[in-house]
Amino acid sequence: MVTKQMSIGEVLRINRYTAPIFMQFGMHCLGCPHATAESIEDASMVHGVDADALVKALNEFLDQQQA
């Protein structure tokens, strides 16, 4: 389960196919140092993204992958 406290890098290590979801939310620099250091919540604030909506979309995607 993805949480707002996780980094983008952590989520990508769980499933690299989550990258398009981050990009849909305007987070295009998935390989930058911030992606491994700051939380999804912090990155969302910087990019003006709703962190709850992003986490929901990521978890829905991951749930579908496990089905």
C-alpha atoms as a PDB file:
ATOM      1  CA  MET A   1       0.000   0.000   0.000  1.00  0.00           C
ATOM      2  CA  VAL A   2       1.328   3.410  -0.991  1.00  0.00           C
ATOM      3  CA  THR A   3       1.240   6.218   1.567  1.00  0.00           C
ATOM      4  CA  LYS A   4       1.967   9.943   1.318  1.00  0.00           C
ATOM      5  CA  GLN A   5       5.060   9.444   3.467  1.00  0.00           C
ATOM      6  CA  MET A   6       6.730   7.192   0.858  1.00  0.00           C
ATOM      7  CA  SER A   7       9.097   8.630  -1.729  1.00  0.00           C
ATOM      8  CA  ILE A   8       8.444   8.434  -5.461  1.00  0.00           C
ATOM      9  CA  GLY A   9      11.534   6.251  -5.708  1.00  0.00           C
ATOM     10  CA  GLU A  10      10.105   3.753  -3.215  1.00  0.00           C
ATOM     11  CA  VAL A  11       6.901   3.452  -5.213  1.00  0.00           C
ATOM     12  CA  LEU A  12       8.805   3.009  -8.469  1.00  0.00           C
ATOM     13  CA  ARG A  13      10.839   0.221  -6.860  1.00  0.00           C
ATOM     14  CA  ILE A  14       7.588  -1.525  -5.878  1.00  0.00           C
ATOM     15  CA  ASN A  15       6.259  -1.262  -9.433  1.00  0.00           C
ATOM     16  CA  ARG A  16       8.003   0.707 -12.178  1.00  0.00           C
ATOM     17  CA  TYR A  17       4.764   0.799 -14.167  1.00  0.00           C
ATOM     18  CA  THR A  18       3.456   3.424 -11.741  1.00  0.00           C
ATOM     19  CA  ALA A  19       5.601   5.998 -13.602  1.00  0.00           C
ATOM     20  CA  PRO A  20       2.800   7.045 -16.006  1.00  0.00           C
ATOM     21  CA  ILE A  21       0.537   7.789 -13.042  1.00  0.00           C
ATOM     22  CA  PHE A  22       3.098  10.174 -11.582  1.00  0.00           C
ATOM     23  CA  MET A  23       3.442  11.785 -15.007  1.00  0.00           C
ATOM     24  CA  GLN A  24      -0.336  12.195 -15.330  1.00  0.00           C
ATOM     25  CA  PHE A  25      -0.182  14.180 -12.105  1.00  0.00           C
ATOM     26  CA  GLY A  26       2.566  16.455 -13.481  1.00  0.00           C
ATOM     27  CA  MET A  27       5.543  14.775 -11.850  1.00  0.00           C
ATOM     28  CA  HIS A  28       7.869  14.238 -14.773  1.00  0.00           C
ATOM     29  CA  CYS A  29      11.303  14.234 -13.094  1.00  0.00           C
ATOM     30  CA  LEU A  30      11.091  10.725 -11.704  1.00  0.00           C
ATOM     31  CA  GLY A  31      14.840  10.228 -11.811  1.00  0.00           C
ATOM     32  CA  CYS A  32      15.837  13.462 -10.091  1.00  0.00           C
ATOM     33  CA  PRO A  33      17.387  13.361  -6.603  1.00  0.00           C
ATOM     34  CA  HIS A  34      14.209  14.748  -5.048  1.00  0.00           C
ATOM     35  CA  ALA A  35      12.263  11.702  -6.245  1.00  0.00           C
ATOM     36  CA  THR A  36      14.290   9.520  -3.912  1.00  0.00           C
ATOM     37  CA  ALA A  37      14.543  11.965  -1.015  1.00  0.00           C
ATOM     38  CA  GLU A  38      11.236  13.733  -0.486  1.00  0.00           C
ATOM     39  CA  SER A  39       7.875  12.209   0.317  1.00  0.00           C
ATOM     40  CA  ILE A  40       4.983  12.047  -2.115  1.00  0.00           C
ATOM     41  CA  GLU A  41       3.240  14.575   0.122  1.00  0.00           C
ATOM     42  CA  ASP A  42       6.140  17.047  -0.121  1.00  0.00           C
ATOM     43  CA  ALA A  43       6.552  16.533  -3.873  1.00  0.00           C
ATOM     44  CA  SER A  44       2.817  17.044  -4.325  1.00  0.00           C
ATOM     45  CA  MET A  45       2.951  20.386  -2.531  1.00  0.00           C
ATOM     46  CA  VAL A  46       5.822  21.547  -4.751  1.00  0.00           C
ATOM     47  CA  HIS A  47       3.968  20.500  -7.912  1.00  0.00           C
ATOM     48  CA  GLY A  48       0.520  21.711  -6.795  1.00  0.00           C
ATOM     49  CA  VAL A  49      -0.878  18.176  -6.833  1.00  0.00           C
ATOM     50  CA  ASP A  50      -3.537  16.652  -4.585  1.00  0.00           C
ATOM     51  CA  ALA A  51      -1.447  14.066  -2.698  1.00  0.00           C
ATOM     52  CA  ASP A  52      -4.528  12.121  -1.608  1.00  0.00           C
ATOM     53  CA  ALA A  53      -5.733  11.779  -5.202  1.00  0.00           C
ATOM     54  CA  LEU A  54      -2.281  10.673  -6.360  1.00  0.00           C
ATOM     55  CA  VAL A  55      -1.966   8.052  -3.611  1.00  0.00           C
ATOM     56  CA  LYS A  56      -5.476   6.813  -4.377  1.00  0.00           C
ATOM     57  CA  ALA A  57      -4.649   6.437  -8.075  1.00  0.00           C
ATOM     58  CA  LEU A  58      -1.405   4.611  -7.281  1.00  0.00           C
ATOM     59  CA  ASN A  59      -3.112   2.201  -4.882  1.00  0.00           C
ATOM     60  CA  GLU A  60      -5.946   1.527  -7.324  1.00  0.00           C
ATOM     61  CA  PHE A  61      -3.391   0.714 -10.024  1.00  0.00           C
ATOM     62  CA  LEU A  62      -1.431  -1.583  -7.728  1.00  0.00           C
ATOM     63  CA  ASP A  63      -4.632  -3.318  -6.588  1.00  0.00           C
ATOM     64  CA  GLN A  64      -5.540  -3.997 -10.233  1.00  0.00           C
ATOM     65  CA  GLN A  65      -2.092  -5.468 -10.838  1.00  0.00           C
ATOM     66  CA  GLN A  66      -2.585  -7.959  -8.026  1.00  0.00           C
ATOM     67  CA  ALA A  67      -6.047  -9.070  -9.166  1.00  0.00           C
END
